[in-house]
Amino acid sequence: MRKNITTSIATLPICIAIACILWLFPSFKSLEGWISLGITVGMSYIFAEWNNRTVLLRVRSRMVSSTFVMLMAFTPFLHSLSYDMIAAVALLLTYYSLSHTYQDLNSQGLSFYAYLSLGIGTTVLPGMWWMVLVFFIMQVILLRSVTWRSLLANLMALLLPYWTLLAYTFVRTSDLFYYDWAAVAQFSSEGFGQISQDRRITLYIVLILSFFSSFHFLRNYFSDKIRVRMVFYIIILQEIVLTLLIFFQPAHFDAYMRLLLVNSAPLLAHYYTLAKGFKIRECWMTICFLLFMSIGLMNYILL
């Protein structure tokens, strides 16, 4: 059953159909609901293209996209249309562009697009600057694609959104350029206890699944190509960064939770699809299915 689910071309359409039903269940006529659903479906397509070009799973599968869609479908508190979705799309586009720069010393174009996406994300969510720092360090150490040209491209890309906002501010005499730089380094876990119970339980379940998925990858990393290994190392490091940001900047819980789901989807899909041992794989698939169902039931009951 596990193999049929993870390799079937029908898995993604079925997951999208389920997501549509759950997403629009509270209000079928909500325009914002339709727009946010459209953005999520569009992100699933980017996930599919990223998997195809990078070969994240070594087999023909749509589990990366399917996992992301189901994670989003079972978290109704993330269904509302929000500027935070810009940050989630930006993170996904960053992975899509940056993963193709591995050992390419002439990849300043792809690097520019990756950091332009990050720059746009930071205008919405200041805490993403910590992710920018990790991305750059890992581009130097793991991807080995940084030259003076790509470094200049990265800086220009990060600054371009702010130049644009500054120009708009001068032309329209608005306060749009106001930016809370202090929010980047404001850390406190005091507000985490005030997060609703359904949100915290969802977070814990996703982190547990991500932990086992990361452990599985680190234990069996030799089965993947070197470029894929480097990408997953970055994903695991960013998983740690996002977990810390969620706990120490709880005021932006929903925004970081969207980023966490984007970041966790490849890890979970890798485990679902490539775990070895028949009994282990079947048991894991059953446990994950029950956990996913428990997330959905809990969140929709408390909706």
C-alpha atoms as a PDB file:
ATOM      1  CA  MET A   1       0.000   0.000   0.000  1.00  0.00           C
ATOM      2  CA  ARG A   2       2.780   2.436   0.899  1.00  0.00           C
ATOM      3  CA  LYS A   3       4.486   1.969  -2.463  1.00  0.00           C
ATOM      4  CA  ASN A   4       1.231   2.440  -4.338  1.00  0.00           C
ATOM      5  CA  ILE A   5       0.538   5.689  -2.505  1.00  0.00           C
ATOM      6  CA  THR A   6       4.008   7.188  -2.783  1.00  0.00           C
ATOM      7  CA  THR A   7       4.529   6.384  -6.477  1.00  0.00           C
ATOM      8  CA  SER A   8       1.019   6.818  -7.852  1.00  0.00           C
ATOM      9  CA  ILE A   9       0.363   9.782 -10.153  1.00  0.00           C
ATOM     10  CA  ALA A  10      -3.105  10.037  -8.577  1.00  0.00           C
ATOM     11  CA  THR A  11      -1.781  10.838  -5.097  1.00  0.00           C
ATOM     12  CA  LEU A  12      -1.275  14.557  -5.678  1.00  0.00           C
ATOM     13  CA  PRO A  13      -4.672  15.182  -7.387  1.00  0.00           C
ATOM     14  CA  ILE A  14      -6.432  13.307  -4.580  1.00  0.00           C
ATOM     15  CA  CYS A  15      -4.581  15.323  -1.935  1.00  0.00           C
ATOM     16  CA  ILE A  16      -5.471  18.568  -3.711  1.00  0.00           C
ATOM     17  CA  ALA A  17      -9.132  17.491  -3.895  1.00  0.00           C
ATOM     18  CA  ILE A  18      -9.147  16.747  -0.155  1.00  0.00           C
ATOM     19  CA  ALA A  19      -7.468  20.094   0.526  1.00  0.00           C
ATOM     20  CA  CYS A  20     -10.088  21.936  -1.545  1.00  0.00           C
ATOM     21  CA  ILE A  21     -12.918  20.346   0.449  1.00  0.00           C
ATOM     22  CA  LEU A  22     -11.323  21.073   3.829  1.00  0.00           C
ATOM     23  CA  TRP A  23     -10.109  24.543   2.825  1.00  0.00           C
ATOM     24  CA  LEU A  24     -13.462  25.806   1.604  1.00  0.00           C
ATOM     25  CA  PHE A  25     -15.553  23.929   4.178  1.00  0.00           C
ATOM     26  CA  PRO A  26     -16.069  26.931   6.528  1.00  0.00           C
ATOM     27  CA  SER A  27     -17.069  29.342   3.749  1.00  0.00           C
ATOM     28  CA  PHE A  28     -17.330  28.259   0.123  1.00  0.00           C
ATOM     29  CA  LYS A  29     -17.991  31.826  -1.011  1.00  0.00           C
ATOM     30  CA  SER A  30     -14.910  33.324   0.661  1.00  0.00           C
ATOM     31  CA  LEU A  31     -12.738  35.033  -1.949  1.00  0.00           C
ATOM     32  CA  GLU A  32      -9.782  35.094   0.431  1.00  0.00           C
ATOM     33  CA  GLY A  33     -10.137  31.343   0.927  1.00  0.00           C
ATOM     34  CA  TRP A  34     -10.039  30.731  -2.813  1.00  0.00           C
ATOM     35  CA  ILE A  35      -6.970  32.952  -3.230  1.00  0.00           C
ATOM     36  CA  SER A  36      -5.027  31.321  -0.370  1.00  0.00           C
ATOM     37  CA  LEU A  37      -5.984  27.881  -1.720  1.00  0.00           C
ATOM     38  CA  GLY A  38      -4.772  28.905  -5.176  1.00  0.00           C
ATOM     39  CA  ILE A  39      -1.442  30.035  -3.721  1.00  0.00           C
ATOM     40  CA  THR A  40      -1.059  26.706  -1.911  1.00  0.00           C
ATOM     41  CA  VAL A  41      -1.822  24.710  -5.070  1.00  0.00           C
ATOM     42  CA  GLY A  42       0.668  26.870  -6.973  1.00  0.00           C
ATOM     43  CA  MET A  43       3.293  26.133  -4.330  1.00  0.00           C
ATOM     44  CA  SER A  44       2.623  22.405  -4.741  1.00  0.00           C
ATOM     45  CA  TYR A  45       3.492  22.803  -8.435  1.00  0.00           C
ATOM     46  CA  ILE A  46       6.780  24.526  -7.522  1.00  0.00           C
ATOM     47  CA  PHE A  47       7.517  21.656  -5.139  1.00  0.00           C
ATOM     48  CA  ALA A  48       6.930  19.196  -7.984  1.00  0.00           C
ATOM     49  CA  GLU A  49       9.276  21.103 -10.290  1.00  0.00           C
ATOM     50  CA  TRP A  50      11.895  21.342  -7.548  1.00  0.00           C
ATOM     51  CA  ASN A  51      11.692  17.590  -6.962  1.00  0.00           C
ATOM     52  CA  ASN A  52      11.922  16.864 -10.691  1.00  0.00           C
ATOM     53  CA  ARG A  53      14.973  19.046 -11.260  1.00  0.00           C
ATOM     54  CA  THR A  54      16.852  18.147  -8.078  1.00  0.00           C
ATOM     55  CA  VAL A  55      15.707  14.491  -7.785  1.00  0.00           C
ATOM     56  CA  LEU A  56      15.055  14.797  -4.075  1.00  0.00           C
ATOM     57  CA  LEU A  57      13.478  11.337  -3.750  1.00  0.00           C
ATOM     58  CA  ARG A  58      15.438   9.180  -6.226  1.00  0.00           C
ATOM     59  CA  VAL A  59      12.142   7.710  -7.500  1.00  0.00           C
ATOM     60  CA  ARG A  60       9.276   9.061  -9.555  1.00  0.00           C
ATOM     61  CA  SER A  61       6.966  10.437  -6.901  1.00  0.00           C
ATOM     62  CA  ARG A  62       4.794  13.436  -6.061  1.00  0.00           C
ATOM     63  CA  MET A  63       5.059  12.899  -2.317  1.00  0.00           C
ATOM     64  CA  VAL A  64       6.856  16.195  -1.649  1.00  0.00           C
ATOM     65  CA  SER A  65       3.970  18.183  -3.133  1.00  0.00           C
ATOM     66  CA  SER A  66       1.364  15.858  -1.629  1.00  0.00           C
ATOM     67  CA  THR A  67       2.871  16.083   1.847  1.00  0.00           C
ATOM     68  CA  PHE A  68       2.918  19.870   1.731  1.00  0.00           C
ATOM     69  CA  VAL A  69      -0.684  20.057   0.522  1.00  0.00           C
ATOM     70  CA  MET A  70      -1.909  17.737   3.277  1.00  0.00           C
ATOM     71  CA  LEU A  71       0.057  19.586   5.960  1.00  0.00           C
ATOM     72  CA  MET A  72      -1.580  22.824   4.864  1.00  0.00           C
ATOM     73  CA  ALA A  73      -5.017  21.225   4.536  1.00  0.00           C
ATOM     74  CA  PHE A  74      -4.943  19.960   8.124  1.00  0.00           C
ATOM     75  CA  THR A  75      -3.910  23.329   9.619  1.00  0.00           C
ATOM     76  CA  PRO A  76      -6.973  25.562   9.136  1.00  0.00           C
ATOM     77  CA  PHE A  77      -5.462  28.342  11.235  1.00  0.00           C
ATOM     78  CA  LEU A  78      -3.060  28.884   8.296  1.00  0.00           C
ATOM     79  CA  HIS A  79      -5.786  29.046   5.635  1.00  0.00           C
ATOM     80  CA  SER A  80      -6.475  32.749   5.986  1.00  0.00           C
ATOM     81  CA  LEU A  81      -5.023  35.032   3.325  1.00  0.00           C
ATOM     82  CA  SER A  82      -2.100  36.884   4.854  1.00  0.00           C
ATOM     83  CA  TYR A  83       1.079  38.704   3.912  1.00  0.00           C
ATOM     84  CA  ASP A  84       2.868  35.877   5.736  1.00  0.00           C
ATOM     85  CA  MET A  85       2.208  33.688   2.693  1.00  0.00           C
ATOM     86  CA  ILE A  86       4.707  35.854   0.795  1.00  0.00           C
ATOM     87  CA  ALA A  87       7.433  34.651   3.146  1.00  0.00           C
ATOM     88  CA  ALA A  88       6.442  31.005   2.609  1.00  0.00           C
ATOM     89  CA  VAL A  89       6.501  31.364  -1.179  1.00  0.00           C
ATOM     90  CA  ALA A  90       9.824  33.209  -0.918  1.00  0.00           C
ATOM     91  CA  LEU A  91      11.391  30.363   1.070  1.00  0.00           C
ATOM     92  CA  LEU A  92      10.240  27.780  -1.466  1.00  0.00           C
ATOM     93  CA  LEU A  93      11.559  29.812  -4.414  1.00  0.00           C
ATOM     94  CA  THR A  94      14.863  30.214  -2.580  1.00  0.00           C
ATOM     95  CA  TYR A  95      15.262  26.455  -2.271  1.00  0.00           C
ATOM     96  CA  TYR A  96      14.236  25.999  -5.902  1.00  0.00           C
ATOM     97  CA  SER A  97      16.904  28.406  -7.173  1.00  0.00           C
ATOM     98  CA  LEU A  98      19.699  27.799  -4.675  1.00  0.00           C
ATOM     99  CA  SER A  99      19.680  24.002  -4.957  1.00  0.00           C
ATOM    100  CA  HIS A 100      20.840  24.309  -8.577  1.00  0.00           C
ATOM    101  CA  THR A 101      23.945  26.323  -7.732  1.00  0.00           C
ATOM    102  CA  TYR A 102      25.900  23.357  -6.350  1.00  0.00           C
ATOM    103  CA  GLN A 103      29.575  23.756  -7.323  1.00  0.00           C
ATOM    104  CA  ASP A 104      28.579  26.137 -10.112  1.00  0.00           C
ATOM    105  CA  LEU A 105      30.902  29.142 -10.018  1.00  0.00           C
ATOM    106  CA  ASN A 106      28.864  30.855 -12.736  1.00  0.00           C
ATOM    107  CA  SER A 107      25.530  30.616 -10.940  1.00  0.00           C
ATOM    108  CA  GLN A 108      25.246  34.285  -9.973  1.00  0.00           C
ATOM    109  CA  GLY A 109      21.937  34.473 -11.877  1.00  0.00           C
ATOM    110  CA  LEU A 110      20.302  31.684  -9.873  1.00  0.00           C
ATOM    111  CA  SER A 111      21.885  33.038  -6.714  1.00  0.00           C
ATOM    112  CA  PHE A 112      20.405  36.464  -7.435  1.00  0.00           C
ATOM    113  CA  TYR A 113      16.900  35.014  -7.805  1.00  0.00           C
ATOM    114  CA  ALA A 114      17.301  32.999  -4.602  1.00  0.00           C
ATOM    115  CA  TYR A 115      18.361  35.978  -2.506  1.00  0.00           C
ATOM    116  CA  LEU A 116      15.827  38.261  -4.161  1.00  0.00           C
ATOM    117  CA  SER A 117      13.158  35.871  -2.886  1.00  0.00           C
ATOM    118  CA  LEU A 118      14.740  35.966   0.564  1.00  0.00           C
ATOM    119  CA  GLY A 119      14.907  39.753   0.456  1.00  0.00           C
ATOM    120  CA  ILE A 120      11.203  39.957  -0.340  1.00  0.00           C
ATOM    121  CA  GLY A 121      10.494  37.521   2.485  1.00  0.00           C
ATOM    122  CA  THR A 122      12.418  39.626   5.009  1.00  0.00           C
ATOM    123  CA  THR A 123      10.288  42.680   4.218  1.00  0.00           C
ATOM    124  CA  VAL A 124       7.300  40.704   5.473  1.00  0.00           C
ATOM    125  CA  LEU A 125       8.976  38.713   8.256  1.00  0.00           C
ATOM    126  CA  PRO A 126      12.134  40.302   9.740  1.00  0.00           C
ATOM    127  CA  GLY A 127      13.151  37.075  11.481  1.00  0.00           C
ATOM    128  CA  MET A 128      13.960  35.556   8.086  1.00  0.00           C
ATOM    129  CA  TRP A 129      17.276  37.426   8.212  1.00  0.00           C
ATOM    130  CA  TRP A 130      18.543  34.587  10.409  1.00  0.00           C
ATOM    131  CA  MET A 131      17.653  32.177   7.626  1.00  0.00           C
ATOM    132  CA  VAL A 132      19.477  34.409   5.139  1.00  0.00           C
ATOM    133  CA  LEU A 133      22.602  34.091   7.267  1.00  0.00           C
ATOM    134  CA  VAL A 134      22.348  30.285   7.345  1.00  0.00           C
ATOM    135  CA  PHE A 135      21.694  30.112   3.602  1.00  0.00           C
ATOM    136  CA  PHE A 136      24.772  32.186   2.830  1.00  0.00           C
ATOM    137  CA  ILE A 137      27.072  30.230   5.156  1.00  0.00           C
ATOM    138  CA  MET A 138      25.829  26.949   3.719  1.00  0.00           C
ATOM    139  CA  GLN A 139      26.226  28.259   0.176  1.00  0.00           C
ATOM    140  CA  VAL A 140      29.879  28.810   0.994  1.00  0.00           C
ATOM    141  CA  ILE A 141      30.488  25.562   2.883  1.00  0.00           C
ATOM    142  CA  LEU A 142      28.122  23.006   1.312  1.00  0.00           C
ATOM    143  CA  LEU A 143      27.115  24.298  -2.099  1.00  0.00           C
ATOM    144  CA  ARG A 144      30.538  25.845  -2.806  1.00  0.00           C
ATOM    145  CA  SER A 145      29.122  28.267  -5.335  1.00  0.00           C
ATOM    146  CA  VAL A 146      30.114  31.649  -3.893  1.00  0.00           C
ATOM    147  CA  THR A 147      32.399  33.920  -5.923  1.00  0.00           C
ATOM    148  CA  TRP A 148      32.823  37.676  -5.824  1.00  0.00           C
ATOM    149  CA  ARG A 149      30.242  37.888  -8.621  1.00  0.00           C
ATOM    150  CA  SER A 150      27.650  35.804  -6.777  1.00  0.00           C
ATOM    151  CA  LEU A 151      28.412  37.658  -3.540  1.00  0.00           C
ATOM    152  CA  LEU A 152      27.689  40.972  -5.259  1.00  0.00           C
ATOM    153  CA  ALA A 153      24.552  39.485  -6.822  1.00  0.00           C
ATOM    154  CA  ASN A 154      23.388  38.282  -3.394  1.00  0.00           C
ATOM    155  CA  LEU A 155      23.834  41.717  -1.822  1.00  0.00           C
ATOM    156  CA  MET A 156      22.061  43.473  -4.688  1.00  0.00           C
ATOM    157  CA  ALA A 157      19.195  40.980  -4.547  1.00  0.00           C
ATOM    158  CA  LEU A 158      18.728  41.403  -0.791  1.00  0.00           C
ATOM    159  CA  LEU A 159      18.707  45.198  -1.076  1.00  0.00           C
ATOM    160  CA  LEU A 160      16.494  45.461  -4.162  1.00  0.00           C
ATOM    161  CA  PRO A 161      13.158  45.056  -2.326  1.00  0.00           C
ATOM    162  CA  TYR A 162      14.181  47.772   0.153  1.00  0.00           C
ATOM    163  CA  TRP A 163      15.285  50.124  -2.620  1.00  0.00           C
ATOM    164  CA  THR A 164      11.900  49.588  -4.244  1.00  0.00           C
ATOM    165  CA  LEU A 165      10.020  50.298  -1.022  1.00  0.00           C
ATOM    166  CA  LEU A 166      12.168  53.373  -0.367  1.00  0.00           C
ATOM    167  CA  ALA A 167      11.421  54.754  -3.842  1.00  0.00           C
ATOM    168  CA  TYR A 168       7.712  54.074  -3.377  1.00  0.00           C
ATOM    169  CA  THR A 169       7.815  55.870  -0.028  1.00  0.00           C
ATOM    170  CA  PHE A 170       9.335  58.994  -1.564  1.00  0.00           C
ATOM    171  CA  VAL A 171       6.980  59.010  -4.549  1.00  0.00           C
ATOM    172  CA  ARG A 172       3.762  58.357  -2.604  1.00  0.00           C
ATOM    173  CA  THR A 173       4.883  60.047   0.653  1.00  0.00           C
ATOM    174  CA  SER A 174       3.739  57.017   2.643  1.00  0.00           C
ATOM    175  CA  ASP A 175       5.177  55.230   5.676  1.00  0.00           C
ATOM    176  CA  LEU A 176       5.409  51.883   3.847  1.00  0.00           C
ATOM    177  CA  PHE A 177       9.177  51.787   4.264  1.00  0.00           C
ATOM    178  CA  TYR A 178       8.925  51.676   8.047  1.00  0.00           C
ATOM    179  CA  TYR A 179      10.816  48.575   9.110  1.00  0.00           C
ATOM    180  CA  ASP A 180      11.138  47.187  12.585  1.00  0.00           C
ATOM    181  CA  TRP A 181      14.791  46.148  12.552  1.00  0.00           C
ATOM    182  CA  ALA A 182      14.687  45.556  16.311  1.00  0.00           C
ATOM    183  CA  ALA A 183      12.269  42.653  15.702  1.00  0.00           C
ATOM    184  CA  VAL A 184      15.116  40.656  14.155  1.00  0.00           C
ATOM    185  CA  ALA A 185      16.855  40.293  17.517  1.00  0.00           C
ATOM    186  CA  GLN A 186      13.887  40.310  19.893  1.00  0.00           C
ATOM    187  CA  PHE A 187      13.821  36.912  21.584  1.00  0.00           C
ATOM    188  CA  SER A 188      11.501  35.845  24.370  1.00  0.00           C
ATOM    189  CA  SER A 189       9.683  32.592  25.031  1.00  0.00           C
ATOM    190  CA  GLU A 190       7.249  34.161  27.496  1.00  0.00           C
ATOM    191  CA  GLY A 191       4.447  34.456  24.958  1.00  0.00           C
ATOM    192  CA  PHE A 192       4.674  30.840  23.793  1.00  0.00           C
ATOM    193  CA  GLY A 193       2.369  29.646  26.570  1.00  0.00           C
ATOM    194  CA  GLN A 194      -0.338  31.949  25.235  1.00  0.00           C
ATOM    195  CA  ILE A 195      -0.393  30.172  21.855  1.00  0.00           C
ATOM    196  CA  SER A 196      -3.597  28.187  21.445  1.00  0.00           C
ATOM    197  CA  GLN A 197      -3.443  24.491  22.283  1.00  0.00           C
ATOM    198  CA  ASP A 198      -4.309  23.307  18.779  1.00  0.00           C
ATOM    199  CA  ARG A 199      -1.405  25.292  17.340  1.00  0.00           C
ATOM    200  CA  ARG A 200       1.077  23.940  19.871  1.00  0.00           C
ATOM    201  CA  ILE A 201      -0.027  20.318  19.425  1.00  0.00           C
ATOM    202  CA  THR A 202       0.232  20.690  15.647  1.00  0.00           C
ATOM    203  CA  LEU A 203       3.742  22.106  16.057  1.00  0.00           C
ATOM    204  CA  TYR A 204       4.828  19.239  18.315  1.00  0.00           C
ATOM    205  CA  ILE A 205       3.534  16.586  15.915  1.00  0.00           C
ATOM    206  CA  VAL A 206       5.268  18.198  12.928  1.00  0.00           C
ATOM    207  CA  LEU A 207       8.523  18.484  14.890  1.00  0.00           C
ATOM    208  CA  ILE A 208       8.346  14.832  15.976  1.00  0.00           C
ATOM    209  CA  LEU A 209       7.804  13.694  12.392  1.00  0.00           C
ATOM    210  CA  SER A 210      10.606  15.984  11.199  1.00  0.00           C
ATOM    211  CA  PHE A 211      12.980  14.642  13.846  1.00  0.00           C
ATOM    212  CA  PHE A 212      12.497  11.018  12.785  1.00  0.00           C
ATOM    213  CA  SER A 213      12.697  12.007   9.126  1.00  0.00           C
ATOM    214  CA  SER A 214      15.959  13.887   9.705  1.00  0.00           C
ATOM    215  CA  PHE A 215      17.370  10.974  11.680  1.00  0.00           C
ATOM    216  CA  HIS A 216      16.482   8.605   8.862  1.00  0.00           C
ATOM    217  CA  PHE A 217      18.161  10.815   6.282  1.00  0.00           C
ATOM    218  CA  LEU A 218      21.350  11.303   8.325  1.00  0.00           C
ATOM    219  CA  ARG A 219      21.551   7.561   8.866  1.00  0.00           C
ATOM    220  CA  ASN A 220      21.109   6.730   5.168  1.00  0.00           C
ATOM    221  CA  TYR A 221      22.584   9.823   3.510  1.00  0.00           C
ATOM    222  CA  PHE A 222      25.012   7.760   1.417  1.00  0.00           C
ATOM    223  CA  SER A 223      22.144   6.528  -0.761  1.00  0.00           C
ATOM    224  CA  ASP A 224      21.536   9.998  -2.205  1.00  0.00           C
ATOM    225  CA  LYS A 225      23.641  11.987  -4.626  1.00  0.00           C
ATOM    226  CA  ILE A 226      26.046  14.481  -3.105  1.00  0.00           C
ATOM    227  CA  ARG A 227      24.094  17.502  -4.368  1.00  0.00           C
ATOM    228  CA  VAL A 228      20.889  16.128  -2.829  1.00  0.00           C
ATOM    229  CA  ARG A 229      22.701  15.508   0.446  1.00  0.00           C
ATOM    230  CA  MET A 230      23.837  19.136   0.576  1.00  0.00           C
ATOM    231  CA  VAL A 231      20.281  20.352  -0.020  1.00  0.00           C
ATOM    232  CA  PHE A 232      18.890  18.177   2.757  1.00  0.00           C
ATOM    233  CA  TYR A 233      21.643  19.276   5.140  1.00  0.00           C
ATOM    234  CA  ILE A 234      20.527  22.866   4.553  1.00  0.00           C
ATOM    235  CA  ILE A 235      16.889  21.900   5.078  1.00  0.00           C
ATOM    236  CA  ILE A 236      17.723  20.216   8.397  1.00  0.00           C
ATOM    237  CA  LEU A 237      19.722  23.241   9.585  1.00  0.00           C
ATOM    238  CA  GLN A 238      16.897  25.579   8.631  1.00  0.00           C
ATOM    239  CA  GLU A 239      14.498  23.274  10.484  1.00  0.00           C
ATOM    240  CA  ILE A 240      16.500  23.937  13.638  1.00  0.00           C
ATOM    241  CA  VAL A 241      16.541  27.696  12.976  1.00  0.00           C
ATOM    242  CA  LEU A 242      12.778  27.791  12.404  1.00  0.00           C
ATOM    243  CA  THR A 243      12.114  25.757  15.554  1.00  0.00           C
ATOM    244  CA  LEU A 244      14.138  28.240  17.614  1.00  0.00           C
ATOM    245  CA  LEU A 245      12.380  31.196  15.989  1.00  0.00           C
ATOM    246  CA  ILE A 246       8.968  29.696  16.749  1.00  0.00           C
ATOM    247  CA  PHE A 247       9.804  29.210  20.417  1.00  0.00           C
ATOM    248  CA  PHE A 248      11.607  32.539  20.929  1.00  0.00           C
ATOM    249  CA  GLN A 249       9.480  34.765  18.671  1.00  0.00           C
ATOM    250  CA  PRO A 250       6.006  33.348  19.371  1.00  0.00           C
ATOM    251  CA  ALA A 251       4.311  36.585  18.293  1.00  0.00           C
ATOM    252  CA  HIS A 252       4.939  35.445  14.708  1.00  0.00           C
ATOM    253  CA  PHE A 253       3.874  31.840  15.317  1.00  0.00           C
ATOM    254  CA  ASP A 254       1.594  31.474  12.293  1.00  0.00           C
ATOM    255  CA  ALA A 255       4.156  33.029   9.930  1.00  0.00           C
ATOM    256  CA  TYR A 256       6.948  30.746  11.101  1.00  0.00           C
ATOM    257  CA  MET A 257       4.602  27.765  11.091  1.00  0.00           C
ATOM    258  CA  ARG A 258       3.981  28.298   7.373  1.00  0.00           C
ATOM    259  CA  LEU A 259       7.738  28.335   6.808  1.00  0.00           C
ATOM    260  CA  LEU A 260       8.132  25.192   8.919  1.00  0.00           C
ATOM    261  CA  LEU A 261       5.597  23.293   6.805  1.00  0.00           C
ATOM    262  CA  VAL A 262       7.396  24.348   3.613  1.00  0.00           C
ATOM    263  CA  ASN A 263      10.703  23.252   5.125  1.00  0.00           C
ATOM    264  CA  SER A 264       9.417  19.976   6.589  1.00  0.00           C
ATOM    265  CA  ALA A 265       7.590  18.658   3.520  1.00  0.00           C
ATOM    266  CA  PRO A 266      10.723  17.358   1.687  1.00  0.00           C
ATOM    267  CA  LEU A 267      12.014  15.683   4.861  1.00  0.00           C
ATOM    268  CA  LEU A 268       8.752  13.900   5.583  1.00  0.00           C
ATOM    269  CA  ALA A 269       8.283  12.876   1.953  1.00  0.00           C
ATOM    270  CA  HIS A 270      11.839  11.495   1.831  1.00  0.00           C
ATOM    271  CA  TYR A 271      11.097   9.279   4.815  1.00  0.00           C
ATOM    272  CA  TYR A 272       7.682   8.117   3.586  1.00  0.00           C
ATOM    273  CA  THR A 273       9.045   7.168   0.188  1.00  0.00           C
ATOM    274  CA  LEU A 274      12.497   5.771   0.873  1.00  0.00           C
ATOM    275  CA  ALA A 275      12.415   4.165   4.336  1.00  0.00           C
ATOM    276  CA  LYS A 276      13.733   0.606   4.170  1.00  0.00           C
ATOM    277  CA  GLY A 277      12.197  -2.499   5.695  1.00  0.00           C
ATOM    278  CA  PHE A 278       8.684  -3.601   4.799  1.00  0.00           C
ATOM    279  CA  LYS A 279       7.272  -3.751   8.315  1.00  0.00           C
ATOM    280  CA  ILE A 280       8.921  -0.488   9.341  1.00  0.00           C
ATOM    281  CA  ARG A 281       7.665   1.333   6.257  1.00  0.00           C
ATOM    282  CA  GLU A 282       4.110   0.066   6.626  1.00  0.00           C
ATOM    283  CA  CYS A 283       4.001   0.848  10.343  1.00  0.00           C
ATOM    284  CA  TRP A 284       5.458   4.293   9.753  1.00  0.00           C
ATOM    285  CA  MET A 285       2.937   5.026   7.035  1.00  0.00           C
ATOM    286  CA  THR A 286       0.104   3.978   9.329  1.00  0.00           C
ATOM    287  CA  ILE A 287       1.422   6.045  12.229  1.00  0.00           C
ATOM    288  CA  CYS A 288       1.886   9.100  10.003  1.00  0.00           C
ATOM    289  CA  PHE A 289      -1.608   8.699   8.588  1.00  0.00           C
ATOM    290  CA  LEU A 290      -3.054   8.541  12.101  1.00  0.00           C
ATOM    291  CA  LEU A 291      -1.026  11.575  13.181  1.00  0.00           C
ATOM    292  CA  PHE A 292      -2.153  13.525  10.133  1.00  0.00           C
ATOM    293  CA  MET A 293      -5.759  12.560  10.817  1.00  0.00           C
ATOM    294  CA  SER A 294      -5.406  13.537  14.466  1.00  0.00           C
ATOM    295  CA  ILE A 295      -4.063  16.954  13.431  1.00  0.00           C
ATOM    296  CA  GLY A 296      -6.959  17.478  11.064  1.00  0.00           C
ATOM    297  CA  LEU A 297      -9.662  16.266  13.444  1.00  0.00           C
ATOM    298  CA  MET A 298      -8.302  18.294  16.334  1.00  0.00           C
ATOM    299  CA  ASN A 299      -7.956  21.493  14.340  1.00  0.00           C
ATOM    300  CA  TYR A 300     -11.357  21.241  12.677  1.00  0.00           C
ATOM    301  CA  ILE A 301     -13.122  20.317  15.892  1.00  0.00           C
ATOM    302  CA  LEU A 302     -11.582  23.351  17.563  1.00  0.00           C
ATOM    303  CA  LEU A 303     -12.251  25.569  14.528  1.00  0.00           C
END
